[in-house]
Amino acid sequence: MEGLTGLMISLIPALLWGTLPLVSAKVGGTPHHQVFGMTIGALFFSMALFFFIPPQLNAAVISVSLLSGLFWAVGQFYQFAAMKILGVSKTMPLSTGMQLAGVALCGIFIFREWDTAFRMIIGLSALALIVIGVLLTSRERRSKEKNTHPVFKGLVLLAVSTFGYISYLVILRLFRIDGWSAILPQSIGMIIGAVILSGKKVKMLHNRHTAFNIISGLMWAGGNLALLIATKLEGVAISFSMSQIGTVLSTLGGIFILGEKKTKNQMVFLLIGCTMIIFGGVLLGKTKN
């Protein structure tokens, strides 16, 4: 029964994070509205959690968690910016694949995780699946008048986003900061990052787009909390792998809910690519066993 409970909790991040881009896209607004509203929601959630489970805070935890939150803001802002160019159905599998590959490379070169031949074989196989999956999801429809500029710009934005997301995760691990303790100062760093990225536009963010995007922040924070709980119950490998299922939800939602157009060939390649990315994420989880 306990194992079933852990697996069910492991699916919560996939459900919340997979539908989050769809909710944010439906609500609308610029990436500034989306990130600012989202960080407010995450801050509300972490403040409420603070009174139920007071964390152990010190100078190191606060400073590192704040920096982690700043990196997250960069990752989320540029992911939203890429969605405006590429659409949700293309951005999310690309973003997930790039993050998985980036985290795996950090595991190799920074944390020396793949310390056996078995882990190296599994890990490299997983990376190969992810790279191929990303290439398949990014296939463009054939056209005599190709305009690659928007696609290139979207990929550059995703590269910056991936750097922000990976840094937000890696810095906590480098300094061995517990996830529970990081939640509140991290959310403060997130909102500071959103204000910095908005610049002078922050004065124009007091409208319904920002307010409704608070829902996205609550969804992200709920998924983050569920992942922390699932990690304790099921371990990193299973909980991390299960969270990747959300990519399929956001990809299919972009097509069937948001109405993003795809040809039949693109749909086939997109679904195959998503499957390969998810399977690659599952294999990466096996390297942590």
Protein backbone atom coordinates (compact mmCIF):
# COMPACT_ATOMS: atom_id res chain seq x y z
CA MET A 1 0.00 0.00 0.00
CA GLU A 2 2.83 2.37 0.86
CA GLY A 3 4.49 1.69 -2.50
CA LEU A 4 1.25 2.49 -4.35
CA THR A 5 0.92 5.74 -2.39
CA GLY A 6 4.46 6.72 -3.35
CA LEU A 7 3.81 6.05 -7.04
CA MET A 8 0.58 8.06 -6.97
CA ILE A 9 2.39 10.99 -5.37
CA SER A 10 5.14 10.63 -8.01
CA LEU A 11 2.51 11.29 -10.71
CA ILE A 12 1.43 14.61 -9.18
CA PRO A 13 4.45 16.62 -10.51
CA ALA A 14 3.86 15.16 -13.99
CA LEU A 15 0.20 16.16 -13.88
CA LEU A 16 0.76 19.67 -12.48
CA TRP A 17 3.91 20.56 -14.46
CA GLY A 18 2.55 18.99 -17.64
CA THR A 19 -0.62 21.08 -17.57
CA LEU A 20 1.06 24.25 -16.22
CA PRO A 21 2.20 25.54 -19.67
CA LEU A 22 -1.34 25.03 -20.98
CA VAL A 23 -2.89 26.99 -18.11
CA SER A 24 -0.36 29.80 -18.51
CA ALA A 25 -0.87 29.93 -22.28
CA LYS A 26 -4.66 30.06 -21.85
CA VAL A 27 -4.38 32.83 -19.26
CA GLY A 28 -2.19 34.79 -21.66
CA GLY A 29 0.08 37.75 -21.16
CA THR A 30 3.75 38.27 -21.91
CA PRO A 31 6.55 36.14 -20.41
CA HIS A 32 6.91 38.98 -17.87
CA HIS A 33 3.29 38.55 -16.73
CA GLN A 34 3.63 34.77 -16.68
CA VAL A 35 6.83 34.60 -14.63
CA PHE A 36 5.88 37.42 -12.25
CA GLY A 37 2.47 35.90 -11.51
CA MET A 38 3.96 32.45 -11.19
CA THR A 39 6.58 33.57 -8.66
CA ILE A 40 3.90 35.29 -6.55
CA GLY A 41 1.94 32.03 -6.43
CA ALA A 42 5.06 30.06 -5.48
CA LEU A 43 5.87 32.59 -2.73
CA PHE A 44 2.33 32.33 -1.27
CA PHE A 45 2.62 28.54 -1.25
CA SER A 46 6.04 28.51 0.43
CA MET A 47 4.94 31.03 3.08
CA ALA A 48 1.92 28.88 3.95
CA LEU A 49 4.14 25.78 4.10
CA PHE A 50 6.59 27.63 6.36
CA PHE A 51 4.03 27.75 9.18
CA PHE A 52 3.29 24.02 8.97
CA ILE A 53 6.85 22.74 8.54
CA PRO A 54 9.36 25.36 9.77
CA PRO A 55 12.66 24.79 7.90
CA GLN A 56 16.17 24.94 9.32
CA LEU A 57 17.59 28.20 7.97
CA ASN A 58 21.07 29.66 8.20
CA ALA A 59 23.15 32.11 6.15
CA ALA A 60 24.36 29.44 3.70
CA VAL A 61 20.89 27.99 3.10
CA ILE A 62 19.34 31.42 2.57
CA SER A 63 22.04 32.77 0.20
CA VAL A 64 22.36 29.63 -1.93
CA SER A 65 18.58 29.15 -2.12
CA LEU A 66 18.10 32.78 -3.15
CA LEU A 67 20.62 32.31 -5.96
CA SER A 68 18.88 29.08 -6.97
CA GLY A 69 15.60 31.00 -7.21
CA LEU A 70 17.23 33.65 -9.41
CA PHE A 71 18.44 30.94 -11.79
CA TRP A 72 14.96 29.40 -11.84
CA ALA A 73 13.46 32.75 -12.88
CA VAL A 74 15.88 32.87 -15.82
CA GLY A 75 14.95 29.32 -16.81
CA GLN A 76 11.20 29.88 -16.60
CA PHE A 77 11.20 33.31 -18.27
CA TYR A 78 13.09 32.18 -21.34
CA GLN A 79 11.05 28.98 -21.58
CA PHE A 80 7.89 31.11 -21.74
CA ALA A 81 9.59 33.36 -24.31
CA ALA A 82 10.41 30.28 -26.43
CA MET A 83 6.77 29.14 -26.21
CA LYS A 84 5.67 32.41 -27.79
CA ILE A 85 7.84 31.59 -30.83
CA LEU A 86 7.77 27.79 -31.10
CA GLY A 87 4.48 26.93 -29.40
CA VAL A 88 3.93 24.73 -26.35
CA SER A 89 3.88 21.43 -28.28
CA LYS A 90 7.40 22.01 -29.62
CA THR A 91 8.95 23.92 -26.72
CA MET A 92 8.18 21.45 -23.93
CA PRO A 93 9.74 18.26 -25.40
CA LEU A 94 12.75 20.29 -26.57
CA SER A 95 13.12 21.93 -23.16
CA THR A 96 12.71 18.64 -21.29
CA GLY A 97 15.24 16.87 -23.51
CA MET A 98 17.81 19.65 -23.17
CA GLN A 99 17.39 19.72 -19.39
CA LEU A 100 17.71 15.95 -19.05
CA ALA A 101 20.84 15.92 -21.18
CA GLY A 102 22.30 18.89 -19.31
CA VAL A 103 21.64 17.40 -15.88
CA ALA A 104 23.17 14.11 -17.03
CA LEU A 105 26.32 15.87 -18.23
CA CYS A 106 26.58 17.67 -14.88
CA GLY A 107 26.27 14.28 -13.22
CA ILE A 108 29.22 13.04 -15.27
CA PHE A 109 31.62 15.98 -15.05
CA ILE A 110 30.70 17.65 -11.75
CA PHE A 111 29.33 14.93 -9.48
CA ARG A 112 31.12 11.91 -11.02
CA GLU A 113 27.94 9.83 -10.79
CA TRP A 114 28.64 7.39 -13.61
CA ASP A 115 31.43 5.64 -11.79
CA THR A 116 30.85 2.12 -13.17
CA ALA A 117 30.80 0.61 -16.66
CA PHE A 118 27.11 -0.30 -16.26
CA ARG A 119 26.12 3.25 -15.34
CA MET A 120 28.20 4.64 -18.20
CA ILE A 121 26.52 2.35 -20.75
CA ILE A 122 23.02 3.06 -19.43
CA GLY A 123 23.71 6.79 -19.19
CA LEU A 124 25.15 7.15 -22.69
CA SER A 125 22.26 5.10 -24.10
CA ALA A 126 19.83 7.41 -22.33
CA LEU A 127 21.57 10.51 -23.69
CA ALA A 128 21.44 9.06 -27.22
CA LEU A 129 17.70 8.45 -26.88
CA ILE A 130 17.13 11.96 -25.57
CA VAL A 131 19.15 13.62 -28.35
CA ILE A 132 17.35 11.63 -31.05
CA GLY A 133 14.01 12.37 -29.40
CA VAL A 134 14.78 16.10 -29.35
CA LEU A 135 15.74 16.04 -33.03
CA LEU A 136 12.50 14.27 -33.93
CA THR A 137 10.30 16.70 -31.98
CA SER A 138 12.01 19.68 -33.63
CA ARG A 139 11.37 18.53 -37.22
CA GLU A 140 9.85 21.27 -39.35
CA ARG A 141 7.33 20.84 -42.13
CA ARG A 142 8.90 21.02 -45.58
CA SER A 143 8.50 24.30 -47.39
CA LYS A 144 10.02 25.91 -50.47
CA GLU A 145 10.39 29.19 -48.59
CA LYS A 146 12.06 28.17 -45.36
CA ASN A 147 12.41 30.77 -42.64
CA THR A 148 14.72 29.35 -40.00
CA HIS A 149 15.15 32.60 -38.05
CA PRO A 150 12.21 32.09 -35.62
CA VAL A 151 13.26 28.48 -34.97
CA PHE A 152 16.88 29.51 -34.35
CA LYS A 153 15.77 32.32 -32.02
CA GLY A 154 13.54 29.88 -30.13
CA LEU A 155 16.42 27.41 -29.72
CA VAL A 156 18.71 30.17 -28.41
CA LEU A 157 16.06 31.14 -25.85
CA LEU A 158 15.74 27.48 -24.83
CA ALA A 159 19.52 27.22 -24.44
CA VAL A 160 19.44 30.15 -21.97
CA SER A 161 16.40 28.62 -20.26
CA THR A 162 18.18 25.27 -19.91
CA PHE A 163 21.21 26.97 -18.36
CA GLY A 164 18.94 28.65 -15.80
CA TYR A 165 17.05 25.47 -14.92
CA ILE A 166 20.18 23.32 -14.59
CA SER A 167 21.93 25.96 -12.47
CA TYR A 168 18.89 26.19 -10.20
CA LEU A 169 19.11 22.45 -9.52
CA VAL A 170 22.89 21.97 -9.47
CA ILE A 171 23.72 24.81 -7.07
CA LEU A 172 21.54 23.30 -4.34
CA ARG A 173 23.28 19.96 -4.71
CA LEU A 174 26.75 21.50 -4.83
CA PHE A 175 26.19 23.10 -1.44
CA ARG A 176 24.14 20.15 -0.10
CA ILE A 177 21.08 22.26 0.64
CA ASP A 178 18.01 20.29 1.70
CA GLY A 179 14.98 20.85 -0.54
CA TRP A 180 12.62 21.46 2.38
CA SER A 181 14.86 24.17 3.80
CA ALA A 182 15.31 25.82 0.39
CA ILE A 183 11.62 26.31 -0.47
CA LEU A 184 10.96 29.71 1.17
CA PRO A 185 14.24 31.56 0.39
CA GLN A 186 14.20 29.99 -3.07
CA SER A 187 10.75 31.43 -3.78
CA ILE A 188 11.96 34.85 -2.61
CA GLY A 189 14.87 34.55 -5.06
CA MET A 190 12.39 33.59 -7.78
CA ILE A 191 10.31 36.75 -7.31
CA ILE A 192 13.45 38.92 -7.13
CA GLY A 193 14.59 37.36 -10.41
CA ALA A 194 11.18 38.03 -11.99
CA VAL A 195 11.39 41.71 -10.96
CA ILE A 196 14.94 42.02 -12.36
CA LEU A 197 13.98 40.39 -15.67
CA SER A 198 10.91 42.63 -15.97
CA GLY A 199 12.93 45.81 -15.44
CA LYS A 200 10.87 48.95 -16.05
CA LYS A 201 7.96 46.79 -17.26
CA VAL A 202 7.32 45.66 -13.68
CA LYS A 203 5.13 48.79 -13.23
CA MET A 204 2.81 47.52 -15.98
CA LEU A 205 2.37 44.00 -14.54
CA HIS A 206 -0.46 44.85 -12.14
CA ASN A 207 -3.28 43.39 -14.25
CA ARG A 208 -5.40 40.27 -14.67
CA HIS A 209 -2.72 38.37 -16.64
CA THR A 210 -0.36 38.49 -13.66
CA ALA A 211 -3.16 37.71 -11.21
CA PHE A 212 -4.37 34.64 -13.10
CA ASN A 213 -0.80 33.36 -13.54
CA ILE A 214 -0.60 33.05 -9.76
CA ILE A 215 -2.46 29.78 -10.39
CA SER A 216 0.56 28.56 -12.38
CA GLY A 217 2.81 29.36 -9.43
CA LEU A 218 0.63 27.35 -7.06
CA MET A 219 0.70 24.45 -9.55
CA TRP A 220 4.50 24.58 -9.80
CA ALA A 221 4.93 24.77 -6.03
CA GLY A 222 2.50 21.89 -5.49
CA GLY A 223 4.41 19.75 -7.97
CA ASN A 224 7.70 20.67 -6.32
CA LEU A 225 6.38 19.67 -2.89
CA ALA A 226 4.99 16.39 -4.26
CA LEU A 227 8.37 15.61 -5.83
CA LEU A 228 10.13 16.14 -2.50
CA ILE A 229 7.69 13.77 -0.78
CA ALA A 230 7.89 11.19 -3.59
CA THR A 231 11.69 11.27 -3.52
CA LYS A 232 11.65 10.27 0.16
CA LEU A 233 9.12 7.47 -0.46
CA GLU A 234 10.31 6.06 -3.80
CA GLY A 235 13.82 7.41 -4.27
CA VAL A 236 15.21 9.84 -6.84
CA ALA A 237 15.21 7.38 -9.77
CA ILE A 238 11.49 6.59 -9.80
CA SER A 239 10.18 10.02 -8.75
CA PHE A 240 12.38 11.91 -11.24
CA SER A 241 11.48 9.55 -14.07
CA MET A 242 7.75 9.72 -13.36
CA SER A 243 7.82 13.52 -13.45
CA GLN A 244 8.94 13.42 -17.10
CA ILE A 245 5.55 12.04 -18.18
CA GLY A 246 4.27 15.61 -17.98
CA THR A 247 6.04 16.35 -21.28
CA VAL A 248 3.47 14.25 -23.12
CA LEU A 249 0.58 16.12 -21.44
CA SER A 250 1.92 19.55 -22.39
CA THR A 251 2.81 18.45 -25.92
CA LEU A 252 -0.55 16.88 -26.70
CA GLY A 253 -2.35 19.69 -24.87
CA GLY A 254 -0.62 22.25 -27.07
CA ILE A 255 -2.03 20.48 -30.13
CA PHE A 256 -5.53 19.47 -29.01
CA ILE A 257 -6.33 22.23 -26.48
CA LEU A 258 -4.37 25.24 -27.75
CA GLY A 259 -4.91 24.27 -31.41
CA GLU A 260 -1.27 24.29 -32.54
CA LYS A 261 -1.15 22.95 -36.09
CA LYS A 262 0.85 19.83 -36.98
CA THR A 263 0.96 17.73 -40.14
CA LYS A 264 0.44 13.97 -39.87
CA ASN A 265 4.18 13.36 -40.32
CA GLN A 266 5.00 15.93 -37.64
CA MET A 267 2.56 14.28 -35.25
CA VAL A 268 4.19 10.88 -35.77
CA PHE A 269 7.70 12.24 -35.25
CA LEU A 270 6.54 14.30 -32.25
CA LEU A 271 4.99 11.33 -30.47
CA ILE A 272 7.99 9.09 -31.20
CA GLY A 273 10.32 11.84 -30.00
CA CYS A 274 8.36 12.37 -26.76
CA THR A 275 8.41 8.63 -26.09
CA MET A 276 12.18 8.49 -26.60
CA ILE A 277 12.76 11.51 -24.32
CA ILE A 278 10.65 9.96 -21.55
CA PHE A 279 12.32 6.57 -21.91
CA GLY A 280 15.70 8.29 -21.87
CA GLY A 281 14.67 10.06 -18.63
CA VAL A 282 13.71 6.69 -17.12
CA LEU A 283 17.10 5.26 -18.07
CA LEU A 284 18.85 8.26 -16.54
CA GLY A 285 16.98 7.52 -13.33
CA LYS A 286 18.49 4.01 -13.38
CA THR A 287 22.00 5.49 -13.25
CA LYS A 288 21.17 6.86 -9.79
CA ASN A 289 20.38 3.43 -8.34
